[in-house]
Amino acid sequence: MRLKRLVAVGAVVLPQQVSAASFSCASATAPEERLICQSPELSALDEQLANVYQQKIAVLSPRGRDLLRSSEQSWLRYLQTVCPMVPASTRDSRADPATCLTLRYQERLNDLNAVARKLGPFLFNQVDLFAAEPHDSSDDTGSVPGFYVQHLSYPQIDNPESASSHAWNAAYDKGPVSTTVGCDGPEGDGESRYEVTYAGEHVISVAWSDSTYCHGTPHGFFLVGSENRVWDQGSRELIPADVFFNDWQPKLKQLFWNALLDKGWKPPRDNAKDEVLDVVLDPKQWSFTQDGLSVSFSAYQGGCYACNPGTTTVRWNNLRPLFNLGSLIP
């Protein structure tokens, strides 16, 4: 797959081919290029991906461009592994190349949304690394049939200008990607994602998720949390006193309980309310966002796997009366 600007394609293109691709369909020789040229949907996705990539790389620093190129190379190697172009007569029916490419392109476009994103005083890059290992079993579960796959995604401040921003980047350099997920039986899929949700003059908030699916099991398992660092003070961990006045706990509990009820969540058993509100009081679950303060819940937090309340947000106008005069969140 070649990511380069589309060149003019004229009447020399075969009738069944389309010209909306990031490369010239007239000179396409690789099997994946021919497949893209024969599919209007894939061709449009290919051109869209190339355009987004060029838009992102154009605004990054030289170091940021290198990181994005490394991410793209990792994705391309992953793409060639999990979407093999094999003859139809020998193809595993679970792994149609066109379907595989379409899904992978859509996922990559979603990943690129976090690249070159301006939040507060910073432009953030996002590093994505991929790994895939084929397996020979008849297992057709998992995100990519026939493979165990891993994805690691983490942010970096682009063009850091201070020792503090360099220190923050060092704390969030999470590579390389793991090639195993530690399942007891067959291996499985894993994804670790760190995403900036808020950046201000003092605080950067990062939400993280770590999900694992061991192939053949009824469902996966996931953990979620947040890291809030006072980046201009050595990237130390934020504490409640940096934001709230002394009597914040009962008021914050009530605000989140109201938000949970407003979204229609109901505790499945009597003590589930206390368990959920204990999570609300844990700063390691707080993600500051443009809308307010969000709390996410890991698997089984809320009474059962399917009872998880999901991400719940208390909006700024309800939250600010709890802020102390020296709050590091304005």
Protein backbone atom coordinates (compact mmCIF):
# COMPACT_ATOMS: atom_id res chain seq x y z
CA MET A 1 0.00 0.00 0.00
CA ARG A 2 1.58 3.24 -1.12
CA LEU A 3 0.50 6.43 0.57
CA LYS A 4 1.17 9.15 -1.97
CA ARG A 5 -0.82 11.80 -3.68
CA LEU A 6 -3.19 10.73 -6.44
CA VAL A 7 -1.81 11.26 -9.93
CA ALA A 8 -4.03 11.83 -12.93
CA VAL A 9 -5.69 8.69 -14.21
CA GLY A 10 -7.20 8.83 -17.67
CA ALA A 11 -8.70 6.51 -20.23
CA VAL A 12 -5.90 3.99 -19.81
CA VAL A 13 -7.59 2.74 -16.63
CA LEU A 14 -9.53 -0.44 -17.20
CA PRO A 15 -13.33 0.04 -17.19
CA GLN A 16 -13.80 -2.00 -14.00
CA GLN A 17 -11.26 0.18 -12.16
CA VAL A 18 -11.90 3.44 -10.36
CA SER A 19 -9.56 6.39 -10.16
CA ALA A 20 -10.25 7.68 -6.65
CA ALA A 21 -7.21 6.14 -4.95
CA SER A 22 -4.03 7.52 -3.36
CA PHE A 23 -1.96 6.00 -6.17
CA SER A 24 -2.31 5.62 -9.91
CA CYS A 25 -4.60 2.75 -10.79
CA ALA A 26 -3.07 2.80 -14.27
CA SER A 27 0.20 1.48 -12.85
CA ALA A 28 -1.19 -0.67 -10.03
CA THR A 29 0.62 -4.01 -9.94
CA ALA A 30 0.43 -5.24 -6.33
CA PRO A 31 -2.61 -7.43 -5.54
CA GLU A 32 -3.85 -5.08 -2.80
CA GLU A 33 -3.61 -2.10 -5.17
CA ARG A 34 -5.63 -3.93 -7.81
CA LEU A 35 -8.23 -4.84 -5.22
CA ILE A 36 -8.49 -1.22 -4.08
CA CYS A 37 -8.83 0.03 -7.65
CA GLN A 38 -11.66 -2.42 -8.34
CA SER A 39 -13.68 -1.34 -5.28
CA PRO A 40 -15.25 2.14 -5.16
CA GLU A 41 -15.56 1.93 -1.37
CA LEU A 42 -11.96 0.86 -0.81
CA SER A 43 -10.67 3.36 -3.34
CA ALA A 44 -12.48 6.20 -1.59
CA LEU A 45 -11.19 5.05 1.79
CA ASP A 46 -7.65 4.83 0.44
CA GLU A 47 -7.78 8.38 -0.87
CA GLN A 48 -9.41 9.66 2.31
CA LEU A 49 -6.74 8.01 4.45
CA ALA A 50 -3.93 9.45 2.31
CA ASN A 51 -5.44 12.93 2.50
CA VAL A 52 -5.91 12.81 6.28
CA TYR A 53 -2.38 11.49 6.73
CA GLN A 54 -0.92 14.33 4.66
CA GLN A 55 -3.00 16.92 6.55
CA LYS A 56 -1.76 15.60 9.88
CA ILE A 57 1.89 15.28 8.95
CA ALA A 58 1.93 18.81 7.50
CA VAL A 59 1.31 20.46 10.89
CA LEU A 60 3.60 18.32 13.05
CA SER A 61 7.17 19.09 14.07
CA PRO A 62 10.02 17.11 12.47
CA ARG A 63 10.05 14.75 15.47
CA GLY A 64 6.27 14.45 15.31
CA ARG A 65 6.44 13.55 11.63
CA ASP A 66 8.95 10.81 12.41
CA LEU A 67 6.61 9.39 15.05
CA LEU A 68 3.64 9.49 12.67
CA ARG A 69 5.67 7.80 9.93
CA SER A 70 6.70 5.09 12.39
CA SER A 71 3.05 4.58 13.35
CA GLU A 72 2.05 4.36 9.72
CA GLN A 73 4.77 1.83 8.94
CA SER A 74 3.66 -0.26 11.91
CA TRP A 75 0.08 -0.14 10.65
CA LEU A 76 1.08 -1.05 7.09
CA ARG A 77 3.03 -4.09 8.29
CA TYR A 78 0.03 -5.08 10.39
CA LEU A 79 -2.28 -4.56 7.42
CA GLN A 80 -0.20 -6.78 5.16
CA THR A 81 -0.16 -9.47 7.86
CA VAL A 82 -3.86 -9.61 8.75
CA CYS A 83 -5.27 -8.92 5.26
CA PRO A 84 -3.27 -11.29 3.05
CA MET A 85 -3.97 -11.22 -0.67
CA VAL A 86 -4.38 -14.96 -1.30
CA PRO A 87 -6.12 -16.67 -4.24
CA ALA A 88 -9.85 -17.17 -3.75
CA SER A 89 -9.49 -20.92 -4.16
CA THR A 90 -7.24 -21.16 -1.09
CA ARG A 91 -8.73 -18.32 0.92
CA ASP A 92 -10.12 -18.85 4.38
CA SER A 93 -13.76 -17.78 4.07
CA ARG A 94 -13.42 -15.91 7.37
CA ALA A 95 -10.83 -13.51 5.93
CA ASP A 96 -12.17 -11.85 2.80
CA PRO A 97 -9.45 -9.32 1.83
CA ALA A 98 -11.85 -6.56 0.76
CA THR A 99 -13.80 -6.74 4.02
CA CYS A 100 -10.58 -6.93 6.02
CA LEU A 101 -9.09 -3.88 4.29
CA THR A 102 -12.29 -1.88 4.71
CA LEU A 103 -12.42 -2.53 8.46
CA ARG A 104 -8.73 -1.80 8.95
CA TYR A 105 -8.94 1.46 6.96
CA GLN A 106 -11.90 2.64 9.02
CA GLU A 107 -10.03 1.83 12.25
CA ARG A 108 -6.95 3.71 11.06
CA LEU A 109 -8.99 6.78 10.14
CA ASN A 110 -10.41 6.76 13.65
CA ASP A 111 -6.90 6.50 15.13
CA LEU A 112 -5.74 9.50 13.11
CA ASN A 113 -8.40 11.68 14.76
CA ALA A 114 -6.11 11.89 17.81
CA VAL A 115 -3.07 13.00 15.76
CA ALA A 116 -2.18 16.71 15.60
CA ARG A 117 -4.97 17.63 18.02
CA LYS A 118 -4.82 21.04 19.72
CA LEU A 119 -5.80 21.01 23.38
CA GLY A 120 -4.99 23.89 25.69
CA PRO A 121 -1.44 25.13 25.14
CA PHE A 122 -0.30 21.99 23.31
CA LEU A 123 -0.50 20.17 20.01
CA PHE A 124 -0.68 16.45 20.72
CA ASN A 125 0.52 13.62 18.56
CA GLN A 126 -0.71 10.05 18.95
CA VAL A 127 1.57 7.04 18.50
CA ASP A 128 -0.08 3.81 17.36
CA LEU A 129 1.80 0.52 17.28
CA PHE A 130 0.46 -2.82 16.10
CA ALA A 131 1.35 -6.50 16.30
CA ALA A 132 -0.30 -9.60 14.85
CA GLU A 133 0.41 -13.31 15.16
CA PRO A 134 -1.40 -15.87 12.98
CA HIS A 135 -2.83 -19.03 14.48
CA ASP A 136 -3.83 -22.30 12.81
CA SER A 137 -6.86 -23.20 14.89
CA SER A 138 -10.44 -23.14 13.65
CA ASP A 139 -11.17 -20.34 16.12
CA ASP A 140 -13.04 -17.56 14.34
CA THR A 141 -13.43 -15.27 17.36
CA GLY A 142 -11.45 -12.09 17.96
CA SER A 143 -11.29 -8.85 16.03
CA VAL A 144 -9.41 -10.33 13.04
CA PRO A 145 -10.24 -13.97 12.20
CA GLY A 146 -7.14 -16.15 12.13
CA PHE A 147 -4.93 -13.79 14.12
CA TYR A 148 -4.06 -12.68 17.62
CA VAL A 149 -3.74 -8.89 17.44
CA GLN A 150 -2.41 -6.18 19.75
CA HIS A 151 -2.69 -2.41 19.56
CA LEU A 152 -0.92 0.18 21.70
CA SER A 153 -1.82 3.87 21.45
CA TYR A 154 -0.31 6.70 23.49
CA PRO A 155 0.03 10.52 23.26
CA GLN A 156 3.03 12.80 22.97
CA ILE A 157 3.28 16.57 23.18
CA ASP A 158 4.46 17.70 19.78
CA ASN A 159 7.52 19.95 19.77
CA PRO A 160 7.90 20.15 23.60
CA GLU A 161 9.56 23.42 24.59
CA SER A 162 10.23 22.98 28.30
CA ALA A 163 11.81 20.45 30.64
CA SER A 164 8.35 19.83 32.11
CA SER A 165 6.79 18.96 28.76
CA HIS A 166 9.76 16.71 27.95
CA ALA A 167 9.23 14.97 31.30
CA TRP A 168 5.54 14.49 30.51
CA ASN A 169 6.42 12.91 27.16
CA ALA A 170 8.86 10.56 28.84
CA ALA A 171 6.14 9.43 31.24
CA TYR A 172 3.81 8.59 28.34
CA ASP A 173 6.24 6.88 26.01
CA LYS A 174 4.63 3.44 26.36
CA GLY A 175 6.26 1.56 23.46
CA PRO A 176 7.00 -1.03 22.23
CA VAL A 177 3.75 -2.92 21.71
CA SER A 178 3.39 -6.24 23.53
CA THR A 179 2.99 -9.38 21.44
CA THR A 180 1.09 -11.34 24.10
CA VAL A 181 -1.88 -10.66 26.36
CA GLY A 182 -1.33 -13.29 29.08
CA CYS A 183 -4.34 -15.53 28.58
CA ASP A 184 -4.43 -18.78 30.56
CA GLY A 185 -5.42 -20.88 27.54
CA PRO A 186 -5.28 -19.79 23.92
CA GLU A 187 -3.84 -16.36 23.31
CA GLY A 188 -6.06 -13.46 22.35
CA ASP A 189 -6.38 -9.81 21.42
CA GLY A 190 -5.22 -6.87 23.48
CA GLU A 191 -5.51 -3.11 23.26
CA SER A 192 -3.94 -0.50 25.53
CA ARG A 193 -5.01 3.04 24.78
CA TYR A 194 -4.02 6.33 26.42
CA GLU A 195 -5.84 9.45 25.25
CA VAL A 196 -5.60 13.07 26.35
CA THR A 197 -9.01 14.37 27.39
CA TYR A 198 -7.99 17.75 28.81
CA ALA A 199 -4.95 20.03 28.77
CA GLY A 200 -4.68 23.33 30.63
CA GLU A 201 -2.07 25.68 32.00
CA HIS A 202 -1.27 23.25 34.81
CA VAL A 203 -3.00 19.90 34.30
CA ILE A 204 -3.12 17.28 31.56
CA SER A 205 -5.74 14.58 31.96
CA VAL A 206 -5.27 11.21 30.25
CA ALA A 207 -7.91 8.48 30.13
CA TRP A 208 -6.58 4.96 29.67
CA SER A 209 -8.17 1.63 28.87
CA ASP A 210 -6.72 -1.86 28.80
CA SER A 211 -8.87 -4.50 27.15
CA THR A 212 -8.19 -8.20 26.66
CA TYR A 213 -10.14 -10.84 24.80
CA CYS A 214 -8.90 -14.41 25.18
CA HIS A 215 -10.13 -16.25 22.10
CA GLY A 216 -12.99 -18.63 22.68
CA THR A 217 -14.20 -17.06 25.94
CA PRO A 218 -17.74 -15.62 26.30
CA HIS A 219 -16.53 -12.03 26.51
CA GLY A 220 -13.49 -9.91 27.09
CA PHE A 221 -12.25 -8.08 30.16
CA PHE A 222 -11.38 -4.41 30.43
CA LEU A 223 -9.90 -2.00 32.92
CA VAL A 224 -10.22 1.77 32.69
CA GLY A 225 -8.78 4.66 34.62
CA SER A 226 -7.24 8.09 34.38
CA GLU A 227 -3.99 9.85 35.08
CA ASN A 228 -4.08 13.54 35.93
CA ARG A 229 -0.66 15.13 36.10
CA VAL A 230 0.33 18.66 37.09
CA TRP A 231 2.66 18.87 34.14
CA ASP A 232 4.29 22.20 35.09
CA GLN A 233 5.22 20.82 38.52
CA GLY A 234 7.35 17.88 37.48
CA SER A 235 4.32 15.96 36.15
CA ARG A 236 3.32 15.07 39.70
CA GLU A 237 0.01 13.33 40.30
CA LEU A 238 -2.99 15.60 40.84
CA ILE A 239 -4.60 15.35 44.29
CA PRO A 240 -8.17 16.41 45.20
CA ALA A 241 -6.88 19.44 47.16
CA ASP A 242 -5.52 20.82 43.87
CA VAL A 243 -9.11 21.24 42.70
CA PHE A 244 -11.78 20.91 45.41
CA PHE A 245 -12.45 22.47 48.80
CA ASN A 246 -12.34 20.29 51.92
CA ASP A 247 -15.92 19.02 52.01
CA TRP A 248 -16.03 17.80 48.42
CA GLN A 249 -16.73 14.06 48.84
CA PRO A 250 -20.47 13.99 49.69
CA LYS A 251 -21.25 16.71 47.18
CA LEU A 252 -19.38 14.98 44.36
CA LYS A 253 -21.09 11.70 45.21
CA GLN A 254 -24.50 13.34 44.95
CA LEU A 255 -23.66 15.03 41.65
CA PHE A 256 -22.58 11.75 40.08
CA TRP A 257 -25.50 9.83 41.54
CA ASN A 258 -27.87 12.35 39.95
CA ALA A 259 -26.00 12.01 36.64
CA LEU A 260 -26.27 8.21 36.80
CA LEU A 261 -30.00 8.36 37.47
CA ASP A 262 -30.49 10.93 34.70
CA LYS A 263 -28.91 8.52 32.18
CA GLY A 264 -31.28 5.76 33.32
CA TRP A 265 -28.81 3.54 35.18
CA LYS A 266 -30.17 1.54 38.11
CA PRO A 267 -28.11 -0.46 40.64
CA PRO A 268 -28.68 -4.20 40.15
CA ARG A 269 -28.37 -4.91 43.87
CA ASP A 270 -28.43 -3.00 47.16
CA ASN A 271 -24.70 -2.49 47.69
CA ALA A 272 -23.97 -1.61 44.04
CA LYS A 273 -24.65 2.07 44.73
CA ASP A 274 -21.91 2.23 47.37
CA GLU A 275 -19.46 0.40 45.08
CA VAL A 276 -20.10 2.81 42.22
CA LEU A 277 -19.81 5.91 44.39
CA ASP A 278 -16.53 4.64 45.86
CA VAL A 279 -15.20 4.63 42.29
CA VAL A 280 -16.43 8.21 41.87
CA LEU A 281 -14.27 9.36 44.80
CA ASP A 282 -11.08 7.84 43.39
CA PRO A 283 -8.98 10.50 41.56
CA LYS A 284 -7.46 7.71 39.45
CA GLN A 285 -10.87 7.41 37.77
CA TRP A 286 -11.30 11.13 37.00
CA SER A 287 -11.01 12.39 33.45
CA PHE A 288 -11.40 16.10 32.95
CA THR A 289 -12.92 16.85 29.55
CA GLN A 290 -14.33 19.78 27.61
CA ASP A 291 -17.76 18.94 29.09
CA GLY A 292 -16.80 18.46 32.73
CA LEU A 293 -15.52 15.67 34.96
CA SER A 294 -16.02 12.13 33.67
CA VAL A 295 -15.72 8.84 35.52
CA SER A 296 -15.44 5.51 33.71
CA PHE A 297 -16.03 2.09 35.21
CA SER A 298 -14.10 -1.14 34.64
CA ALA A 299 -15.71 -4.51 33.97
CA TYR A 300 -17.94 -5.65 36.83
CA GLN A 301 -17.90 -2.23 38.54
CA GLY A 302 -21.58 -1.63 38.98
CA GLY A 303 -22.74 -5.03 40.13
CA CYS A 304 -22.13 -7.30 37.13
CA TYR A 305 -20.40 -7.33 33.76
CA ALA A 306 -23.47 -6.10 31.87
CA CYS A 307 -24.45 -3.63 34.62
CA ASN A 308 -21.48 -1.33 34.02
CA PRO A 309 -22.75 2.29 34.10
CA GLY A 310 -20.36 3.38 31.33
CA THR A 311 -18.67 6.76 31.23
CA THR A 312 -20.63 9.30 33.26
CA THR A 313 -20.03 13.06 33.27
CA VAL A 314 -20.84 15.89 35.67
CA ARG A 315 -20.85 19.12 33.69
CA TRP A 316 -18.73 22.13 34.52
CA ASN A 317 -21.61 24.37 35.64
CA ASN A 318 -22.55 21.80 38.30
CA LEU A 319 -18.94 21.06 39.23
CA ARG A 320 -17.46 24.54 39.65
CA PRO A 321 -19.20 25.35 42.98
CA LEU A 322 -16.95 22.63 44.47
CA PHE A 323 -13.70 24.24 43.26
CA ASN A 324 -11.42 25.91 45.76
CA LEU A 325 -10.02 29.40 45.14
CA GLY A 326 -6.65 28.07 44.00
CA SER A 327 -8.02 25.30 41.80
CA LEU A 328 -5.59 24.14 39.11
CA ILE A 329 -8.60 23.45 36.89
CA PRO A 330 -10.00 26.86 35.90
